[in-house]
Amino acid sequence: MAHQQTESAFLLERYFKSKSFSAVREAFPNKETPNTTTTHRPGWNDVGFHGSDQIPTPNIDALAYSGIILNQHYVQPICTPTRAALLTSRYPSNIGMQGIPIAGCEPRALPPGKLLPQYLKDLGYTTRIVGKWHLGFYKKEFTPTYRGFDSHLGYWNGLVNYYDHVYQDLIPVKMVKPFPAQGINITQSDIDWAGGDQLSGVDFHRNLLPALDLSGRYATDVFTEEAVNIIETHDLSSPLFLYLAHLACHSGNIGKLLEAPKDAVDKFGHIIEPNRKTFAAMMSKLDESVGKVVAALKSRGILQNTIIVFLSDNGAPTLNVGVWRNWGSNYPLRGVKVTQWEGGVRGVGVLWGAMLKNTSRVSSQLMHVTDWLPTLYTAAGGNLDDLQSAQLDGVDQWSALVDDTPSRREEVLLVLDERHNVSGLRIGHWKYVTGYRAGLDGYSGDIVLGTTDPPYNPEEVLQSDAGLALATVKLRASAADILRLRSQATVTCSSPVSSTPCNPEKGPCLFDLSVDPCEVNDLSAQHPNVVQKLTELLSKYSATLVPQLNEPYDPVRADPAKFNNIWSSWED
């Protein structure tokens, strides 16, 4: 959260797949305080403001309708690459962080270099992270408090169970001893998740120490309480950047994929499919968290000077992606997590701040997760000249967002994965894709939807914790405004009378997203000049690609059993 002259922070993190970031800047009245929240893998259709009636998200919706709905915000198709892009402002393929996420016993981490919290510390910020890290920990120098954060309560791996906070590392057969002498060349399709070894241990830390006293407590509640406590106790003589990266709604380990309190589950009697019902409860707890954090900002008297960014880190794994399905929905978009289709890379995004002009709008400004570092740095009062030597891929969008002017970005590299031979990029309304992910490239979001959903209730949004808090700072939207904005933010798709299906095995496909947001009609044959232009652009990006940095797994030395069943920095 950020003060008025503040920077954005991810308020909710992982799920949406949910990933959330929050930043708060209280002092320094000439700087805004960023608050960022990311959530884990909630799908496009798992929030009310995108048109879903099935899972009410009144607090998230209140932020959306009072702020800016970022309807053209892109992320990476999987978690580690998105987090790397967020904190470095680099395309993952430019730093070797594309592809498969970091495993628990893999001696790999985000390469050395200055990160977003370190830039904000230069501006006087206190920096906090709550929740997921997933950027490496095999040496302590790669953990959050050595990469620019003043404190961390959360987990280092990609997921944990919601109550016991255990992470189970599944070691694919191909990765088991003997290891290759030099690196590995593995793709998702090579992996037999069920046939390898397993390592299990608690992964809940306060900075470098295990937080065993929190065992048995629901992770979403723990992270919410920590974020609220940070806000309530922060020394207002310095600005605050709070990166809240929720576990919700990411799945847990095999056997405990989805977990939520019974009273939360019982609220969703209209959902018949049992897994979807539990997912809805997890989303409900995430939404509750947003309300409590916004209310805390209001109670502390700093909401009017705070910037809140709410983002998802990738699309929902409606289907099995490895073994970590979460029953989220990307409807009506094509594809799921790990794919280059809109359902994998077009993320849920909201920006709120009292200093923004022309809010209560749906933005079509093209944005990418790499844009947040320079955007928040500017919002916090930084001079972009300070970033010139950093070779960032992100673009400063602050003035465009504040003043509602065109995006400063004309193109975006969505995916470049040399091992899976998958890529995707956009120029304007054109989207270009190559490669495919077998079984994951279709339309699956509707399989978790029902026909008995309750009608959408704008009054529930207005009376939510976030809605009531935001109304003390900005004129609140009316019920009619809410329904209008919701309609504008809802993606609808129709199949052309005669359409050409994409066959990425035969060559690149081309879509006009302005009329075909669901990627139904391949126009590559009709527009060869556009295809040629985008092929050349992809070649330019490929020329700077750094090969994926995956390392052979080290299960013997990394085994948590050697550290009292705690995941630890095993090379220290």
Foldseek 3Di string as FASTA:
>chain_A
DWFALFFAFFAAAAPCLWWGTQWYFQDPNNHFTHGIHTYRNFACQLEPLQPHLQFYLLQVLQLPLQFEWALQEWFALDFQQRLLLQFQLARCQLQQRAADFDFLQFQAFRDDDATLLQLVVVVFAAEEEEEEDRGHFLDLCRDDCNRRHVKYWYFYHDAAFFAQQKAKTQQFPQQDPPHDPDFDQDHLVVGDSPPGDIFMFHTTDTSAHHPNVRHRPGRLVVLLVVLLVCLVPPDNNGTTTYTYTHNPPWAHDVVGGADADPVLLVVNPVFDPNLLSRSSSSSNSSSLSSLSNLLSCLVSVRQQRYKYKHKYNWHAQCDQRPNTHRNHFNPPAWFGRPALTCRTIRMGIGIDHLQAPPGSAYDPANAYSSQSSLQRCVSRPHDCVVCVVSPRNHDHCNVCRRVVHHHPDQKDWHHDAVSQQWTWMDGHQKIKIAGDDPPGGGGDRCVRDDDRRDDDDSVCSCPGSNNVSVVVRDPGDDPVSSVVSSVVSHDDADDPPDADADDNVVHMFMDRCVHGVRRGHGCCVVCVVVVVVVVVVVVVVVVSGDHNPTGRGDCVQQRCVVVVRYRHSRVD
